[in-house]
Protein backbone atom coordinates (compact mmCIF):
# COMPACT_ATOMS: atom_id res chain seq x y z
CA MET A 1 7.07 126.97 -160.48
CA ARG A 2 6.26 129.32 -163.38
CA PRO A 3 2.60 129.50 -164.36
CA VAL A 4 1.73 127.94 -167.71
CA ASP A 5 -0.60 129.99 -169.90
CA GLY A 6 0.59 128.67 -173.23
CA GLY A 7 2.76 131.71 -173.96
CA ASP A 8 6.08 130.01 -173.26
CA VAL A 9 5.12 126.55 -174.55
CA ARG A 10 5.61 125.69 -178.22
CA ALA A 11 4.89 121.96 -178.35
CA LEU A 12 2.82 119.40 -176.46
CA VAL A 13 3.85 115.74 -176.31
CA PHE A 14 1.50 113.08 -175.04
CA ASP A 15 1.51 109.77 -173.32
CA VAL A 16 -1.01 107.73 -175.31
CA PHE A 17 -2.22 104.56 -173.52
CA GLY A 18 -4.65 105.78 -170.87
CA THR A 19 -4.11 109.47 -171.61
CA VAL A 20 -5.28 109.81 -175.21
CA VAL A 21 -6.92 106.40 -175.74
CA ASP A 22 -8.91 103.99 -173.59
CA TRP A 23 -6.70 100.90 -173.77
CA ARG A 24 -8.78 98.69 -171.44
CA THR A 25 -12.13 98.93 -173.22
CA GLY A 26 -10.55 98.68 -176.66
CA VAL A 27 -8.43 95.64 -175.91
CA ALA A 28 -11.38 93.89 -174.24
CA ARG A 29 -13.59 94.57 -177.26
CA GLU A 30 -11.03 93.01 -179.63
CA VAL A 31 -10.45 90.04 -177.29
CA ALA A 32 -14.18 89.29 -177.31
CA ARG A 33 -14.38 89.65 -181.08
CA LEU A 34 -11.40 87.41 -181.79
CA LEU A 35 -11.76 84.76 -179.10
CA ASP A 36 -15.48 84.11 -178.71
CA ASP A 37 -15.61 82.01 -181.88
CA ARG A 38 -12.39 80.18 -180.97
CA VAL A 39 -12.82 79.28 -177.33
CA GLY A 40 -16.57 79.79 -176.90
CA ALA A 41 -18.49 82.91 -176.03
CA GLY A 42 -17.90 83.82 -172.40
CA ALA A 43 -15.07 81.33 -171.91
CA VAL A 44 -12.59 84.20 -171.55
CA ASP A 45 -13.45 87.34 -169.56
CA PRO A 46 -12.34 90.11 -171.98
CA LEU A 47 -11.79 92.78 -169.35
CA ARG A 48 -9.82 90.46 -167.09
CA PHE A 49 -7.78 89.38 -170.11
CA ALA A 50 -7.03 93.05 -170.93
CA ASP A 51 -6.01 93.73 -167.32
CA ASP A 52 -3.73 90.67 -167.19
CA TRP A 53 -2.11 91.66 -170.47
CA ARG A 54 -1.51 95.20 -169.23
CA GLU A 55 0.11 93.84 -166.06
CA ARG A 56 2.81 92.34 -168.29
CA TYR A 57 3.44 95.67 -170.03
CA THR A 58 6.01 97.10 -167.60
CA PRO A 59 7.87 93.83 -166.85
CA SER A 60 8.32 93.18 -170.57
CA MET A 61 9.82 96.65 -171.11
CA ASP A 62 12.03 96.23 -168.05
CA GLU A 63 13.88 93.49 -169.92
CA VAL A 64 14.92 96.15 -172.41
CA ARG A 65 15.48 98.94 -169.88
CA THR A 66 17.88 96.81 -167.85
CA GLY A 67 19.85 95.74 -170.92
CA ARG A 68 18.91 92.07 -170.60
CA ARG A 69 17.70 92.20 -174.20
CA PRO A 70 18.09 94.67 -177.08
CA PHE A 71 15.36 97.11 -177.95
CA VAL A 72 12.38 95.72 -179.84
CA PRO A 73 9.12 97.57 -180.63
CA LEU A 74 6.21 97.19 -178.26
CA ASP A 75 4.33 95.00 -180.76
CA VAL A 76 7.03 92.35 -180.31
CA LEU A 77 6.70 92.48 -176.53
CA HIS A 78 2.91 92.31 -176.79
CA ARG A 79 3.14 89.30 -179.10
CA GLU A 80 5.32 87.47 -176.58
CA SER A 81 3.19 88.36 -173.57
CA VAL A 82 -0.12 87.48 -175.25
CA ASP A 83 1.05 83.85 -175.31
CA GLU A 84 1.43 83.97 -171.53
CA VAL A 85 -2.00 85.54 -171.06
CA LEU A 86 -3.71 83.01 -173.31
CA THR A 87 -2.15 80.19 -171.31
CA ALA A 88 -3.26 81.79 -168.05
CA HIS A 89 -6.82 81.99 -169.37
CA GLY A 90 -6.94 78.41 -170.59
CA ALA A 91 -6.79 79.27 -174.29
CA ASP A 92 -3.64 77.43 -175.35
CA ASP A 93 -5.14 76.21 -178.62
CA VAL A 94 -5.59 79.66 -180.19
CA PRO A 95 -3.70 79.62 -183.53
CA ALA A 96 -0.81 81.92 -184.34
CA ALA A 97 -2.82 84.02 -186.80
CA VAL A 98 -5.35 84.91 -184.08
CA ARG A 99 -2.55 85.68 -181.64
CA ASP A 100 -1.06 88.06 -184.20
CA ALA A 101 -4.47 89.68 -184.66
CA LEU A 102 -4.82 90.12 -180.90
CA VAL A 103 -1.62 92.18 -180.88
CA LEU A 104 -3.25 94.55 -183.34
CA ALA A 105 -5.96 95.24 -180.75
CA TRP A 106 -3.55 97.87 -179.44
CA HIS A 107 -3.67 99.53 -182.90
CA ARG A 108 -7.48 99.86 -182.76
CA LEU A 109 -8.10 101.64 -179.48
CA ASP A 110 -10.69 104.39 -179.19
CA PRO A 111 -9.79 107.85 -177.89
CA TRP A 112 -11.43 109.22 -174.78
CA PRO A 113 -14.53 111.27 -175.71
CA ASP A 114 -12.79 114.62 -175.21
CA ALA A 115 -9.47 113.67 -176.83
CA VAL A 116 -9.90 114.42 -180.53
CA ARG A 117 -11.88 117.59 -179.94
CA GLY A 118 -9.35 118.90 -177.45
CA LEU A 119 -6.37 117.95 -179.61
CA ARG A 120 -7.82 119.74 -182.61
CA ARG A 121 -8.22 122.88 -180.56
CA LEU A 122 -4.66 122.60 -179.30
CA SER A 123 -3.28 121.89 -182.78
CA ALA A 124 -4.19 125.37 -183.95
CA ARG A 125 -1.64 126.82 -181.54
CA PHE A 126 0.91 124.12 -180.70
CA VAL A 127 2.98 121.40 -182.32
CA LEU A 128 1.52 118.07 -181.16
CA ALA A 129 3.15 114.65 -181.03
CA PRO A 130 2.81 111.39 -179.12
CA LEU A 131 5.70 110.55 -176.81
CA SER A 132 4.69 106.98 -176.19
CA ASN A 133 6.16 103.56 -175.61
CA GLY A 134 3.99 102.38 -178.51
CA GLY A 135 5.77 101.87 -181.82
CA ILE A 136 5.57 104.09 -184.88
CA ALA A 137 3.21 101.82 -186.84
CA LEU A 138 0.92 101.58 -183.81
CA GLN A 139 0.80 105.36 -183.37
CA VAL A 140 0.11 105.92 -187.06
CA ALA A 141 -2.71 103.36 -186.97
CA LEU A 142 -4.32 105.02 -183.93
CA ALA A 143 -4.03 108.45 -185.55
CA ARG A 144 -5.53 107.35 -188.86
CA ARG A 145 -8.34 105.43 -187.16
CA SER A 146 -9.55 108.33 -185.03
CA GLY A 147 -8.16 111.47 -186.65
CA LEU A 148 -5.58 112.31 -183.99
CA PRO A 149 -3.95 115.49 -185.35
CA TRP A 150 -0.29 114.71 -184.72
CA ASP A 151 2.41 116.82 -186.40
CA ALA A 152 5.05 114.14 -185.77
CA VAL A 153 5.46 110.75 -184.12
CA LEU A 154 8.00 110.68 -181.31
CA GLY A 155 8.70 108.18 -178.56
CA ALA A 156 10.34 104.89 -177.78
CA GLU A 157 10.94 103.40 -181.21
CA VAL A 158 12.39 106.68 -182.51
CA VAL A 159 15.25 106.51 -179.99
CA GLY A 160 15.38 102.78 -179.24
CA ALA A 161 14.53 103.09 -175.54
CA TYR A 162 11.46 102.95 -173.31
CA LYS A 163 10.16 105.55 -170.90
CA PRO A 164 11.13 106.49 -168.27
CA ASP A 165 14.61 106.40 -169.84
CA ALA A 166 15.81 110.01 -170.00
CA VAL A 167 16.73 109.71 -173.68
CA VAL A 168 13.03 109.47 -174.61
CA TYR A 169 12.15 112.77 -172.92
CA ASP A 170 15.33 114.46 -174.16
CA SER A 171 14.44 113.51 -177.72
CA ALA A 172 11.31 115.66 -177.86
CA PRO A 173 12.89 119.12 -177.56
CA ARG A 174 15.95 117.98 -179.52
CA LEU A 175 13.98 116.71 -182.50
CA LEU A 176 11.57 119.65 -182.42
CA ALA A 177 14.45 122.18 -182.15
CA LEU A 178 13.10 123.61 -178.90
CA GLU A 179 14.30 124.14 -175.36
CA PRO A 180 13.02 121.58 -172.84
CA ALA A 181 10.92 124.24 -171.07
CA GLN A 182 9.14 124.96 -174.35
CA VAL A 183 7.76 121.41 -174.41
CA LEU A 184 4.79 120.36 -172.25
CA MET A 185 4.45 116.63 -171.47
CA VAL A 186 0.80 115.60 -171.05
CA ALA A 187 0.00 112.34 -169.25
CA ALA A 188 -2.48 110.61 -166.97
CA HIS A 189 0.38 109.03 -165.00
CA ASP A 190 2.30 111.04 -162.43
CA SER A 191 5.40 108.83 -162.73
CA ASP A 192 5.65 109.69 -166.44
CA LEU A 193 5.39 113.37 -165.62
CA ALA A 194 8.01 113.14 -162.87
CA ALA A 195 10.48 111.63 -165.32
CA ALA A 196 9.70 114.37 -167.86
CA ARG A 197 10.19 117.13 -165.27
CA ALA A 198 13.57 115.67 -164.36
CA ARG A 199 14.64 116.41 -167.96
CA GLY A 200 13.36 119.99 -167.86
CA LEU A 201 10.01 119.54 -169.63
CA ARG A 202 6.88 121.28 -168.38
CA THR A 203 4.09 118.92 -167.35
CA ALA A 204 0.31 118.63 -167.40
CA TYR A 205 -1.63 115.92 -165.58
CA VAL A 206 -4.92 114.68 -167.03
CA HIS A 207 -7.21 112.82 -164.63
CA ARG A 208 -8.60 109.68 -166.31
CA PRO A 209 -10.65 108.03 -163.55
CA ASP A 210 -11.89 105.19 -165.77
CA GLU A 211 -8.53 104.03 -167.13
CA PHE A 212 -8.49 100.93 -164.93
CA GLY A 213 -12.25 100.40 -164.88
CA GLY A 214 -12.49 101.25 -161.20
CA LEU A 215 -9.99 98.58 -160.15
CA ARG A 216 -7.54 101.35 -159.33
CA THR A 217 -8.29 104.98 -158.63
CA PRO A 218 -5.78 107.41 -160.15
CA PRO A 219 -5.04 110.54 -158.11
CA ALA A 220 -7.31 113.47 -158.89
CA THR A 221 -4.36 115.81 -159.42
CA ASP A 222 -0.59 115.86 -159.58
CA PRO A 223 0.53 118.62 -157.21
CA ASP A 224 3.99 118.69 -158.81
CA ALA A 225 2.68 119.26 -162.33
CA ASP A 226 2.39 122.72 -163.88
CA LEU A 227 -1.25 121.97 -164.66
CA SER A 228 -3.81 119.41 -163.51
CA VAL A 229 -6.94 119.07 -165.65
CA THR A 230 -9.87 116.71 -166.11
CA SER A 231 -10.00 116.75 -169.93
CA PHE A 232 -8.23 117.91 -173.06
CA ASP A 233 -10.92 120.57 -173.38
CA GLU A 234 -9.89 121.99 -170.03
CA LEU A 235 -6.25 121.76 -171.09
CA ALA A 236 -7.03 123.75 -174.23
CA ASP A 237 -8.87 126.35 -172.14
CA ARG A 238 -6.00 126.66 -169.67
CA LEU A 239 -3.48 127.06 -172.50
CA GLY A 240 -5.54 129.67 -174.31
CA ALA A 241 -6.40 127.58 -177.36
CA ALA A 242 -9.36 128.73 -179.39
């Protein structure tokens, strides 16, 4: 595998949930804010609610990936699955307006402490874009909320397919007018990186030990990735960003 020093890479594309932003803490915060007044403070465990909702993330996208339903943005899937989670947590009487507001929790997630700083360093040298299963409106909201310095928004809604469908990874170099090897996929999930490598992209693994709140322990490194780092600051250092 060729070493990556930033010289042959022109663009970095990023998984977002868990890699750039802390989905679990952010969703739990919004669940507590929106539900405490409706079902009683403490009646719903916000972190458990967030975990249960996330568990429905992949199965809901599988309905699209397998062709059992046409593509819809992730917000639609989240709106459908939040009904199931509310029922499972004994909160059937939550009105539709609050359910809609819960979906927007995914638009208000906080970045990891190193994310914005590291991205700004990287943006001086590379084109940056999310390559996420989150929709365009969601990605724009996250960027505006926290100052994520994206040059473009790429990903599932742009091509009408969900990762790990090859068309999502192929779209990044195609839309940026680059060769696949000039694009570095950055993610905290080794399965995402494996799918990107299969399409010729370079890959960087970022260890996010707190993504699942200690319920699961992500691997410390991805031995198949071009780079394994512990932060976006380290990624910027390894790629020679100022």
